[in-house]
């Protein structure tokens, strides 16, 4: 079965902003996920190129490098991912309205 955007989002729920006890997907930091077949990747298992656009809760986030590395590392653990690119974007600006309903309840702001 081919890798899907939802598969990537499920995997990225393992990545957290260390300052907020919510995963980056429910926090609304993932803006876009692209998954396309990678016919040039070696191996018996079909591989995909994955590209993720993400933001941070603030432009001055001192942990952005660590969070992005955690995203790259998590994507590297997915057997069907041959190549992954993580892009830091600032438009649109992140705001608390991007937080999922479940995360709002978890944070007590529901």
PDB file of N, CA and C in Angstrom:
ATOM      1  N   UNK A   1       0.846  -1.182   0.000  1.00  0.00           N
ATOM      2  CA  UNK A   1       0.000   0.000   0.000  1.00  0.00           C
ATOM      3  C   UNK A   1       0.893   1.248   0.000  1.00  0.00           C
ATOM      4  N   UNK A   2       0.609   2.219  -0.839  1.00  0.00           N
ATOM      5  CA  UNK A   2       1.469   3.398  -0.913  1.00  0.00           C
ATOM      6  C   UNK A   2       1.377   4.264   0.354  1.00  0.00           C
ATOM      7  N   UNK A   3       2.459   4.953   0.629  1.00  0.00           N
ATOM      8  CA  UNK A   3       2.517   5.885   1.749  1.00  0.00           C
ATOM      9  C   UNK A   3       1.588   7.063   1.459  1.00  0.00           C
ATOM     10  N   UNK A   4       0.869   7.515   2.476  1.00  0.00           N
ATOM     11  CA  UNK A   4      -0.075   8.622   2.304  1.00  0.00           C
ATOM     12  C   UNK A   4       0.301   9.801   3.193  1.00  0.00           C
ATOM     13  N   UNK A   5      -0.307  10.933   2.912  1.00  0.00           N
ATOM     14  CA  UNK A   5      -0.135  12.119   3.756  1.00  0.00           C
ATOM     15  C   UNK A   5      -0.546  11.797   5.186  1.00  0.00           C
ATOM     16  N   UNK A   6      -1.647  11.059   5.340  1.00  0.00           N
ATOM     17  CA  UNK A   6      -2.106  10.716   6.680  1.00  0.00           C
ATOM     18  C   UNK A   6      -1.079   9.858   7.420  1.00  0.00           C
ATOM     19  N   UNK A   7      -0.428   8.925   6.721  1.00  0.00           N
ATOM     20  CA  UNK A   7       0.621   8.115   7.348  1.00  0.00           C
ATOM     21  C   UNK A   7       1.728   9.005   7.908  1.00  0.00           C
ATOM     22  N   UNK A   8       2.106  10.018   7.147  1.00  0.00           N
ATOM     23  CA  UNK A   8       3.154  10.943   7.585  1.00  0.00           C
ATOM     24  C   UNK A   8       2.680  11.730   8.800  1.00  0.00           C
ATOM     25  N   UNK A   9       1.447  12.218   8.766  1.00  0.00           N
ATOM     26  CA  UNK A   9       0.916  12.981   9.900  1.00  0.00           C
ATOM     27  C   UNK A   9       0.844  12.130  11.163  1.00  0.00           C
ATOM     28  N   UNK A  10       0.454  10.867  11.020  1.00  0.00           N
ATOM     29  CA  UNK A  10       0.411   9.963  12.174  1.00  0.00           C
ATOM     30  C   UNK A  10       1.815   9.824  12.770  1.00  0.00           C
ATOM     31  N   UNK A  11       2.809   9.646  11.917  1.00  0.00           N
ATOM     32  CA  UNK A  11       4.196   9.513  12.391  1.00  0.00           C
ATOM     33  C   UNK A  11       4.662  10.793  13.076  1.00  0.00           C
ATOM     34  N   UNK A  12       4.300  11.938  12.526  1.00  0.00           N
ATOM     35  CA  UNK A  12       4.760  13.208  13.087  1.00  0.00           C
ATOM     36  C   UNK A  12       4.090  13.545  14.413  1.00  0.00           C
ATOM     37  N   UNK A  13       3.054  12.808  14.763  1.00  0.00           N
ATOM     38  CA  UNK A  13       2.444  12.998  16.084  1.00  0.00           C
ATOM     39  C   UNK A  13       3.376  12.524  17.208  1.00  0.00           C
ATOM     40  N   UNK A  14       4.467  11.862  16.836  1.00  0.00           N
ATOM     41  CA  UNK A  14       5.485  11.457  17.818  1.00  0.00           C
ATOM     42  C   UNK A  14       6.468  12.584  18.131  1.00  0.00           C
ATOM     43  N   UNK A  15       6.378  13.703  17.404  1.00  0.00           N
ATOM     44  CA  UNK A  15       7.306  14.818  17.581  1.00  0.00           C
ATOM     45  C   UNK A  15       6.605  15.919  18.380  1.00  0.00           C
ATOM     46  N   UNK A  16       7.301  16.394  19.408  1.00  0.00           N
ATOM     47  CA  UNK A  16       6.734  17.409  20.295  1.00  0.00           C
ATOM     48  C   UNK A  16       7.584  18.664  20.309  1.00  0.00           C
ATOM     49  N   UNK A  17       6.926  19.787  20.538  1.00  0.00           N
ATOM     50  CA  UNK A  17       7.621  21.025  20.868  1.00  0.00           C
ATOM     51  C   UNK A  17       8.003  20.859  22.339  1.00  0.00           C
ATOM     52  N   UNK A  18       9.283  20.896  22.686  1.00  0.00           N
ATOM     53  CA  UNK A  18       9.692  20.640  24.069  1.00  0.00           C
ATOM     54  C   UNK A  18       9.122  21.624  25.087  1.00  0.00           C
ATOM     55  N   UNK A  19       8.670  22.786  24.625  1.00  0.00           N
ATOM     56  CA  UNK A  19       8.136  23.787  25.542  1.00  0.00           C
ATOM     57  C   UNK A  19       6.632  23.643  25.764  1.00  0.00           C
ATOM     58  N   UNK A  20       5.972  22.831  24.921  1.00  0.00           N
ATOM     59  CA  UNK A  20       4.517  22.669  24.995  1.00  0.00           C
ATOM     60  C   UNK A  20       4.218  21.178  24.933  1.00  0.00           C
ATOM     61  N   UNK A  21       3.456  20.639  25.870  1.00  0.00           N
ATOM     62  CA  UNK A  21       3.222  19.189  25.897  1.00  0.00           C
ATOM     63  C   UNK A  21       2.186  18.702  24.881  1.00  0.00           C
ATOM     64  N   UNK A  22       2.352  19.141  23.623  1.00  0.00           N
ATOM     65  CA  UNK A  22       1.430  18.762  22.551  1.00  0.00           C
ATOM     66  C   UNK A  22       2.274  18.442  21.326  1.00  0.00           C
ATOM     67  N   UNK A  23       1.874  17.406  20.576  1.00  0.00           N
ATOM     68  CA  UNK A  23       2.630  17.071  19.368  1.00  0.00           C
ATOM     69  C   UNK A  23       2.474  18.178  18.316  1.00  0.00           C
ATOM     70  N   UNK A  24       3.426  18.231  17.397  1.00  0.00           N
ATOM     71  CA  UNK A  24       3.470  19.332  16.430  1.00  0.00           C
ATOM     72  C   UNK A  24       2.311  19.313  15.439  1.00  0.00           C
ATOM     73  N   UNK A  25       1.707  18.149  15.214  1.00  0.00           N
ATOM     74  CA  UNK A  25       0.556  18.083  14.309  1.00  0.00           C
ATOM     75  C   UNK A  25      -0.650  18.735  14.977  1.00  0.00           C
ATOM     76  N   UNK A  26      -0.958  18.325  16.209  1.00  0.00           N
ATOM     77  CA  UNK A  26      -2.106  18.903  16.918  1.00  0.00           C
ATOM     78  C   UNK A  26      -1.864  20.355  17.310  1.00  0.00           C
ATOM     79  N   UNK A  27      -0.594  20.730  17.425  1.00  0.00           N
ATOM     80  CA  UNK A  27      -0.272  22.124  17.715  1.00  0.00           C
ATOM     81  C   UNK A  27      -0.488  23.016  16.487  1.00  0.00           C
ATOM     82  N   UNK A  28      -0.626  22.383  15.316  1.00  0.00           N
ATOM     83  CA  UNK A  28      -0.891  23.134  14.087  1.00  0.00           C
ATOM     84  C   UNK A  28       0.361  23.654  13.415  1.00  0.00           C
ATOM     85  N   UNK A  29       1.510  23.039  13.707  1.00  0.00           N
ATOM     86  CA  UNK A  29       2.758  23.504  13.109  1.00  0.00           C
ATOM     87  C   UNK A  29       3.017  22.913  11.727  1.00  0.00           C
ATOM     88  N   UNK A  30       2.309  21.864  11.362  1.00  0.00           N
ATOM     89  CA  UNK A  30       2.486  21.254  10.043  1.00  0.00           C
ATOM     90  C   UNK A  30       1.510  21.917   9.078  1.00  0.00           C
ATOM     91  N   UNK A  31       2.057  22.580   8.081  1.00  0.00           N
ATOM     92  CA  UNK A  31       1.238  23.323   7.121  1.00  0.00           C
ATOM     93  C   UNK A  31       0.944  22.522   5.861  1.00  0.00           C
ATOM     94  N   UNK A  32       1.915  21.691   5.440  1.00  0.00           N
ATOM     95  CA  UNK A  32       1.713  20.949   4.194  1.00  0.00           C
ATOM     96  C   UNK A  32       2.577  19.697   4.226  1.00  0.00           C
ATOM     97  N   UNK A  33       2.011  18.612   3.669  1.00  0.00           N
ATOM     98  CA  UNK A  33       2.753  17.365   3.491  1.00  0.00           C
ATOM     99  C   UNK A  33       2.544  16.928   2.050  1.00  0.00           C
ATOM    100  N   UNK A  34       3.654  16.650   1.360  1.00  0.00           N
ATOM    101  CA  UNK A  34       3.594  16.134  -0.003  1.00  0.00           C
ATOM    102  C   UNK A  34       4.277  14.771  -0.018  1.00  0.00           C
ATOM    103  N   UNK A  35       3.599  13.797  -0.613  1.00  0.00           N
ATOM    104  CA  UNK A  35       4.148  12.447  -0.736  1.00  0.00           C
ATOM    105  C   UNK A  35       4.049  12.042  -2.203  1.00  0.00           C
ATOM    106  N   UNK A  36       5.207  11.796  -2.818  1.00  0.00           N
ATOM    107  CA  UNK A  36       5.225  11.374  -4.219  1.00  0.00           C
ATOM    108  C   UNK A  36       6.123  10.147  -4.360  1.00  0.00           C
ATOM    109  N   UNK A  37       5.782   9.242  -5.272  1.00  0.00           N
ATOM    110  CA  UNK A  37       6.626   8.058  -5.484  1.00  0.00           C
ATOM    111  C   UNK A  37       8.040   8.454  -5.896  1.00  0.00           C
ATOM    112  N   UNK A  38       8.996   7.655  -5.462  1.00  0.00           N
ATOM    113  CA  UNK A  38      10.396   7.864  -5.821  1.00  0.00           C
ATOM    114  C   UNK A  38      10.875   6.626  -6.576  1.00  0.00           C
ATOM    115  N   UNK A  39      10.646   6.570  -7.882  1.00  0.00           N
ATOM    116  CA  UNK A  39      10.985   5.375  -8.652  1.00  0.00           C
ATOM    117  C   UNK A  39      12.490   5.110  -8.735  1.00  0.00           C
ATOM    118  N   UNK A  40      13.310   6.114  -8.412  1.00  0.00           N
ATOM    119  CA  UNK A  40      14.761   5.953  -8.494  1.00  0.00           C
ATOM    120  C   UNK A  40      15.376   5.400  -7.214  1.00  0.00           C
ATOM    121  N   UNK A  41      14.586   5.309  -6.133  1.00  0.00           N
ATOM    122  CA  UNK A  41      15.124   4.824  -4.862  1.00  0.00           C
ATOM    123  C   UNK A  41      15.390   3.323  -4.946  1.00  0.00           C
ATOM    124  N   UNK A  42      16.529   2.887  -4.399  1.00  0.00           N
ATOM    125  CA  UNK A  42      16.852   1.452  -4.442  1.00  0.00           C
ATOM    126  C   UNK A  42      16.037   0.657  -3.431  1.00  0.00           C
ATOM    127  N   UNK A  43      15.979  -0.639  -3.641  1.00  0.00           N
ATOM    128  CA  UNK A  43      15.315  -1.519  -2.678  1.00  0.00           C
ATOM    129  C   UNK A  43      14.062  -2.142  -3.234  1.00  0.00           C
ATOM    130  N   UNK A  44      13.583  -3.137  -2.508  1.00  0.00           N
ATOM    131  CA  UNK A  44      12.391  -3.874  -2.921  1.00  0.00           C
ATOM    132  C   UNK A  44      11.102  -3.160  -2.514  1.00  0.00           C
ATOM    133  N   UNK A  45      11.151  -2.387  -1.439  1.00  0.00           N
ATOM    134  CA  UNK A  45       9.962  -1.686  -0.956  1.00  0.00           C
ATOM    135  C   UNK A  45       9.838  -0.367  -1.714  1.00  0.00           C
ATOM    136  N   UNK A  46       8.664  -0.078  -2.284  1.00  0.00           N
ATOM    137  CA  UNK A  46       8.495   1.203  -2.983  1.00  0.00           C
ATOM    138  C   UNK A  46       8.772   2.371  -2.032  1.00  0.00           C
ATOM    139  N   UNK A  47       9.560   3.302  -2.489  1.00  0.00           N
ATOM    140  CA  UNK A  47       9.938   4.460  -1.680  1.00  0.00           C
ATOM    141  C   UNK A  47       9.232   5.715  -2.174  1.00  0.00           C
ATOM    142  N   UNK A  48       9.176   6.714  -1.294  1.00  0.00           N
ATOM    143  CA  UNK A  48       8.517   7.981  -1.597  1.00  0.00           C
ATOM    144  C   UNK A  48       9.406   9.146  -1.192  1.00  0.00           C
ATOM    145  N   UNK A  49       9.209  10.241  -1.892  1.00  0.00           N
ATOM    146  CA  UNK A  49       9.797  11.513  -1.490  1.00  0.00           C
ATOM    147  C   UNK A  49       8.746  12.242  -0.670  1.00  0.00           C
ATOM    148  N   UNK A  50       9.150  12.703   0.482  1.00  0.00           N
ATOM    149  CA  UNK A  50       8.226  13.408   1.370  1.00  0.00           C
ATOM    150  C   UNK A  50       8.760  14.814   1.587  1.00  0.00           C
ATOM    151  N   UNK A  51       7.872  15.779   1.454  1.00  0.00           N
ATOM    152  CA  UNK A  51       8.224  17.164   1.738  1.00  0.00           C
ATOM    153  C   UNK A  51       7.224  17.707   2.744  1.00  0.00           C
ATOM    154  N   UNK A  52       7.735  18.348   3.782  1.00  0.00           N
ATOM    155  CA  UNK A  52       6.900  18.891   4.847  1.00  0.00           C
ATOM    156  C   UNK A  52       7.203  20.375   4.988  1.00  0.00           C
ATOM    157  N   UNK A  53       6.149  21.192   4.965  1.00  0.00           N
ATOM    158  CA  UNK A  53       6.264  22.607   5.310  1.00  0.00           C
ATOM    159  C   UNK A  53       5.746  22.753   6.725  1.00  0.00           C
ATOM    160  N   UNK A  54       6.552  23.362   7.573  1.00  0.00           N
ATOM    161  CA  UNK A  54       6.125  23.553   8.957  1.00  0.00           C
ATOM    162  C   UNK A  54       6.541  24.922   9.453  1.00  0.00           C
ATOM    163  N   UNK A  55       5.916  25.341  10.539  1.00  0.00           N
ATOM    164  CA  UNK A  55       6.239  26.613  11.150  1.00  0.00           C
ATOM    165  C   UNK A  55       6.557  26.377  12.619  1.00  0.00           C
ATOM    166  N   UNK A  56       6.786  27.447  13.325  1.00  0.00           N
ATOM    167  CA  UNK A  56       7.009  27.420  14.767  1.00  0.00           C
ATOM    168  C   UNK A  56       5.988  28.346  15.404  1.00  0.00           C
ATOM    169  N   UNK A  57       5.835  28.220  16.714  1.00  0.00           N
ATOM    170  CA  UNK A  57       4.862  29.075  17.397  1.00  0.00           C
ATOM    171  C   UNK A  57       5.309  30.531  17.423  1.00  0.00           C
ATOM    172  N   UNK A  58       6.629  30.766  17.267  1.00  0.00           N
ATOM    173  CA  UNK A  58       7.117  32.147  17.176  1.00  0.00           C
ATOM    174  C   UNK A  58       8.406  32.156  16.358  1.00  0.00           C
ATOM    175  N   UNK A  59       8.654  33.244  15.625  1.00  0.00           N
ATOM    176  CA  UNK A  59       9.866  33.323  14.815  1.00  0.00           C
ATOM    177  C   UNK A  59      11.153  33.216  15.644  1.00  0.00           C
ATOM    178  N   UNK A  60      11.094  33.581  16.902  1.00  0.00           N
ATOM    179  CA  UNK A  60      12.280  33.540  17.745  1.00  0.00           C
ATOM    180  C   UNK A  60      12.462  32.226  18.479  1.00  0.00           C
ATOM    181  N   UNK A  61      11.737  31.191  18.094  1.00  0.00           N
ATOM    182  CA  UNK A  61      11.818  29.909  18.793  1.00  0.00           C
ATOM    183  C   UNK A  61      13.256  29.403  18.796  1.00  0.00           C
ATOM    184  N   UNK A  62      13.885  29.300  19.976  1.00  0.00           N
ATOM    185  CA  UNK A  62      15.279  28.874  20.026  1.00  0.00           C
ATOM    186  C   UNK A  62      15.468  27.382  19.724  1.00  0.00           C
ATOM    187  N   UNK A  63      14.383  26.629  19.726  1.00  0.00           N
ATOM    188  CA  UNK A  63      14.473  25.182  19.534  1.00  0.00           C
ATOM    189  C   UNK A  63      14.075  24.737  18.131  1.00  0.00           C
ATOM    190  N   UNK A  64      13.931  25.693  17.194  1.00  0.00           N
ATOM    191  CA  UNK A  64      13.446  25.319  15.858  1.00  0.00           C
ATOM    192  C   UNK A  64      14.349  24.289  15.185  1.00  0.00           C
ATOM    193  N   UNK A  65      15.658  24.416  15.338  1.00  0.00           N
ATOM    194  CA  UNK A  65      16.577  23.456  14.718  1.00  0.00           C
ATOM    195  C   UNK A  65      16.386  22.056  15.265  1.00  0.00           C
ATOM    196  N   UNK A  66      16.226  21.952  16.575  1.00  0.00           N
ATOM    197  CA  UNK A  66      16.025  20.648  17.207  1.00  0.00           C
ATOM    198  C   UNK A  66      14.699  20.026  16.766  1.00  0.00           C
ATOM    199  N   UNK A  67      13.649  20.826  16.714  1.00  0.00           N
ATOM    200  CA  UNK A  67      12.338  20.310  16.316  1.00  0.00           C
ATOM    201  C   UNK A  67      12.388  19.827  14.864  1.00  0.00           C
ATOM    202  N   UNK A  68      13.021  20.599  13.995  1.00  0.00           N
ATOM    203  CA  UNK A  68      13.125  20.192  12.593  1.00  0.00           C
ATOM    204  C   UNK A  68      13.967  18.925  12.453  1.00  0.00           C
ATOM    205  N   UNK A  69      15.040  18.807  13.236  1.00  0.00           N
ATOM    206  CA  UNK A  69      15.832  17.568  13.227  1.00  0.00           C
ATOM    207  C   UNK A  69      14.992  16.387  13.685  1.00  0.00           C
ATOM    208  N   UNK A  70      14.159  16.604  14.696  1.00  0.00           N
ATOM    209  CA  UNK A  70      13.278  15.532  15.175  1.00  0.00           C
ATOM    210  C   UNK A  70      12.295  15.105  14.092  1.00  0.00           C
ATOM    211  N   UNK A  71      11.797  16.056  13.305  1.00  0.00           N
ATOM    212  CA  UNK A  71      10.901  15.733  12.191  1.00  0.00           C
ATOM    213  C   UNK A  71      11.657  14.900  11.155  1.00  0.00           C
ATOM    214  N   UNK A  72      12.842  15.347  10.780  1.00  0.00           N
ATOM    215  CA  UNK A  72      13.657  14.596   9.803  1.00  0.00           C
ATOM    216  C   UNK A  72      13.948  13.178  10.303  1.00  0.00           C
ATOM    217  N   UNK A  73      14.318  13.066  11.571  1.00  0.00           N
ATOM    218  CA  UNK A  73      14.621  11.749  12.140  1.00  0.00           C
ATOM    219  C   UNK A  73      13.393  10.847  12.158  1.00  0.00           C
ATOM    220  N   UNK A  74      12.251  11.427  12.470  1.00  0.00           N
ATOM    221  CA  UNK A  74      11.021  10.607  12.500  1.00  0.00           C
ATOM    222  C   UNK A  74      10.668  10.142  11.104  1.00  0.00           C
ATOM    223  N   UNK A  75      10.816  11.007  10.109  1.00  0.00           N
ATOM    224  CA  UNK A  75      10.531  10.614   8.729  1.00  0.00           C
ATOM    225  C   UNK A  75      11.508   9.542   8.259  1.00  0.00           C
ATOM    226  N   UNK A  76      12.759   9.626   8.690  1.00  0.00           N
ATOM    227  CA  UNK A  76      13.768   8.639   8.300  1.00  0.00           C
ATOM    228  C   UNK A  76      13.439   7.251   8.840  1.00  0.00           C
ATOM    229  N   UNK A  77      12.633   7.186   9.881  1.00  0.00           N
ATOM    230  CA  UNK A  77      12.244   5.897  10.477  1.00  0.00           C
ATOM    231  C   UNK A  77      11.120   5.208   9.709  1.00  0.00           C
ATOM    232  N   UNK A  78      10.507   5.908   8.773  1.00  0.00           N
ATOM    233  CA  UNK A  78       9.425   5.317   7.985  1.00  0.00           C
ATOM    234  C   UNK A  78      10.056   4.566   6.823  1.00  0.00           C
ATOM    235  N   UNK A  79       9.827   3.278   6.776  1.00  0.00           N
ATOM    236  CA  UNK A  79      10.473   2.407   5.797  1.00  0.00           C
ATOM    237  C   UNK A  79      10.223   2.841   4.359  1.00  0.00           C
ATOM    238  N   UNK A  80       9.053   3.395   4.089  1.00  0.00           N
ATOM    239  CA  UNK A  80       8.694   3.770   2.720  1.00  0.00           C
ATOM    240  C   UNK A  80       9.225   5.133   2.293  1.00  0.00           C
ATOM    241  N   UNK A  81       9.904   5.845   3.186  1.00  0.00           N
ATOM    242  CA  UNK A  81      10.450   7.156   2.847  1.00  0.00           C
ATOM    243  C   UNK A  81      11.873   6.990   2.342  1.00  0.00           C
ATOM    244  N   UNK A  82      12.088   7.408   1.100  1.00  0.00           N
ATOM    245  CA  UNK A  82      13.418   7.357   0.516  1.00  0.00           C
ATOM    246  C   UNK A  82      14.160   8.666   0.698  1.00  0.00           C
ATOM    247  N   UNK A  83      13.422   9.758   0.630  1.00  0.00           N
ATOM    248  CA  UNK A  83      14.007  11.095   0.744  1.00  0.00           C
ATOM    249  C   UNK A  83      13.005  11.991   1.448  1.00  0.00           C
ATOM    250  N   UNK A  84      13.496  12.830   2.360  1.00  0.00           N
ATOM    251  CA  UNK A  84      12.607  13.742   3.082  1.00  0.00           C
ATOM    252  C   UNK A  84      13.208  15.133   3.100  1.00  0.00           C
ATOM    253  N   UNK A  85      12.351  16.114   2.899  1.00  0.00           N
ATOM    254  CA  UNK A  85      12.755  17.512   2.979  1.00  0.00           C
ATOM    255  C   UNK A  85      11.807  18.214   3.939  1.00  0.00           C
ATOM    256  N   UNK A  86      12.377  18.985   4.858  1.00  0.00           N
ATOM    257  CA  UNK A  86      11.582  19.736   5.826  1.00  0.00           C
ATOM    258  C   UNK A  86      11.876  21.213   5.620  1.00  0.00           C
ATOM    259  N   UNK A  87      10.816  21.975   5.345  1.00  0.00           N
ATOM    260  CA  UNK A  87      10.954  23.413   5.081  1.00  0.00           C
ATOM    261  C   UNK A  87      10.330  24.204   6.223  1.00  0.00           C
ATOM    262  N   UNK A  88      11.060  25.194   6.716  1.00  0.00           N
ATOM    263  CA  UNK A  88      10.529  26.090   7.730  1.00  0.00           C
ATOM    264  C   UNK A  88       9.894  27.279   7.016  1.00  0.00           C
ATOM    265  N   UNK A  89       8.608  27.501   7.262  1.00  0.00           N
ATOM    266  CA  UNK A  89       7.880  28.592   6.616  1.00  0.00           C
ATOM    267  C   UNK A  89       7.264  29.487   7.685  1.00  0.00           C
ATOM    268  N   UNK A  90       7.076  30.740   7.333  1.00  0.00           N
ATOM    269  CA  UNK A  90       6.509  31.701   8.282  1.00  0.00           C
ATOM    270  C   UNK A  90       5.184  32.279   7.800  1.00  0.00           C
ATOM    271  N   UNK A  91       4.754  31.905   6.617  1.00  0.00           N
ATOM    272  CA  UNK A  91       3.474  32.385   6.079  1.00  0.00           C
ATOM    273  C   UNK A  91       2.598  31.195   5.755  1.00  0.00           C
ATOM    274  N   UNK A  92       1.390  31.158   6.208  1.00  0.00           N
ATOM    275  CA  UNK A  92       0.792  32.141   7.110  1.00  0.00           C
ATOM    276  C   UNK A  92       1.383  32.030   8.513  1.00  0.00           C
ATOM    277  N   UNK A  93       1.326  33.111   9.231  1.00  0.00           N
ATOM    278  CA  UNK A  93       1.830  33.147  10.599  1.00  0.00           C
ATOM    279  C   UNK A  93       1.025  32.178  11.460  1.00  0.00           C
ATOM    280  N   UNK A  94       1.746  31.399  12.276  1.00  0.00           N
ATOM    281  CA  UNK A  94       1.063  30.480  13.184  1.00  0.00           C
ATOM    282  C   UNK A  94       0.299  31.277  14.229  1.00  0.00           C
ATOM    283  N   UNK A  95      -0.871  30.773  14.588  1.00  0.00           N
ATOM    284  CA  UNK A  95      -1.668  31.355  15.670  1.00  0.00           C
ATOM    285  C   UNK A  95      -2.372  30.252  16.430  1.00  0.00           C
ATOM    286  N   UNK A  96      -2.808  30.525  17.647  1.00  0.00           N
ATOM    287  CA  UNK A  96      -3.424  29.487  18.479  1.00  0.00           C
ATOM    288  C   UNK A  96      -4.702  28.892  17.878  1.00  0.00           C
ATOM    289  N   UNK A  97      -5.279  29.555  16.896  1.00  0.00           N
ATOM    290  CA  UNK A  97      -6.468  28.995  16.235  1.00  0.00           C
ATOM    291  C   UNK A  97      -6.129  27.724  15.454  1.00  0.00           C
ATOM    292  N   UNK A  98      -4.852  27.480  15.201  1.00  0.00           N
ATOM    293  CA  UNK A  98      -4.423  26.276  14.465  1.00  0.00           C
ATOM    294  C   UNK A  98      -4.377  25.034  15.361  1.00  0.00           C
ATOM    295  N   UNK A  99      -4.471  25.219  16.670  1.00  0.00           N
ATOM    296  CA  UNK A  99      -4.397  24.092  17.608  1.00  0.00           C
ATOM    297  C   UNK A  99      -5.662  23.252  17.482  1.00  0.00           C
ATOM    298  N   UNK A 100      -5.493  21.921  17.420  1.00  0.00           N
ATOM    299  CA  UNK A 100      -6.647  21.023  17.292  1.00  0.00           C
ATOM    300  C   UNK A 100      -7.512  21.069  18.548  1.00  0.00           C
ATOM    301  N   UNK A 101      -8.745  20.622  18.404  1.00  0.00           N
ATOM    302  CA  UNK A 101      -9.676  20.607  19.526  1.00  0.00           C
ATOM    303  C   UNK A 101      -9.164  19.710  20.651  1.00  0.00           C
ATOM    304  N   UNK A 102      -8.608  18.556  20.289  1.00  0.00           N
ATOM    305  CA  UNK A 102      -8.066  17.633  21.297  1.00  0.00           C
ATOM    306  C   UNK A 102      -6.922  18.289  22.070  1.00  0.00           C
ATOM    307  N   UNK A 103      -6.053  19.004  21.360  1.00  0.00           N
ATOM    308  CA  UNK A 103      -4.932  19.665  22.023  1.00  0.00           C
ATOM    309  C   UNK A 103      -5.417  20.814  22.896  1.00  0.00           C
ATOM    310  N   UNK A 104      -6.462  21.499  22.469  1.00  0.00           N
ATOM    311  CA  UNK A 104      -7.029  22.580  23.285  1.00  0.00           C
ATOM    312  C   UNK A 104      -7.496  22.029  24.630  1.00  0.00           C
ATOM    313  N   UNK A 105      -8.165  20.893  24.594  1.00  0.00           N
ATOM    314  CA  UNK A 105      -8.629  20.253  25.823  1.00  0.00           C
ATOM    315  C   UNK A 105      -7.444  19.834  26.686  1.00  0.00           C
ATOM    316  N   UNK A 106      -6.416  19.268  26.039  1.00  0.00           N
ATOM    317  CA  UNK A 106      -5.221  18.835  26.753  1.00  0.00           C
ATOM    318  C   UNK A 106      -4.543  20.004  27.451  1.00  0.00           C
ATOM    319  N   UNK A 107      -4.526  21.152  26.795  1.00  0.00           N
ATOM    320  CA  UNK A 107      -3.884  22.351  27.349  1.00  0.00           C
ATOM    321  C   UNK A 107      -4.795  23.149  28.281  1.00  0.00           C
ATOM    322  N   UNK A 108      -6.064  22.731  28.359  1.00  0.00           N
ATOM    323  CA  UNK A 108      -7.008  23.433  29.219  1.00  0.00           C
ATOM    324  C   UNK A 108      -7.475  24.757  28.654  1.00  0.00           C
ATOM    325  N   UNK A 109      -7.444  24.887  27.331  1.00  0.00           N
ATOM    326  CA  UNK A 109      -7.911  26.129  26.699  1.00  0.00           C
ATOM    327  C   UNK A 109      -9.135  25.857  25.812  1.00  0.00           C
ATOM    328  N   UNK A 110      -9.741  24.665  26.007  1.00  0.00           N
ATOM    329  CA  UNK A 110     -10.813  24.207  25.159  1.00  0.00           C
ATOM    330  C   UNK A 110     -12.075  24.937  25.283  1.00  0.00           C
TER     331      UNK A 110
END
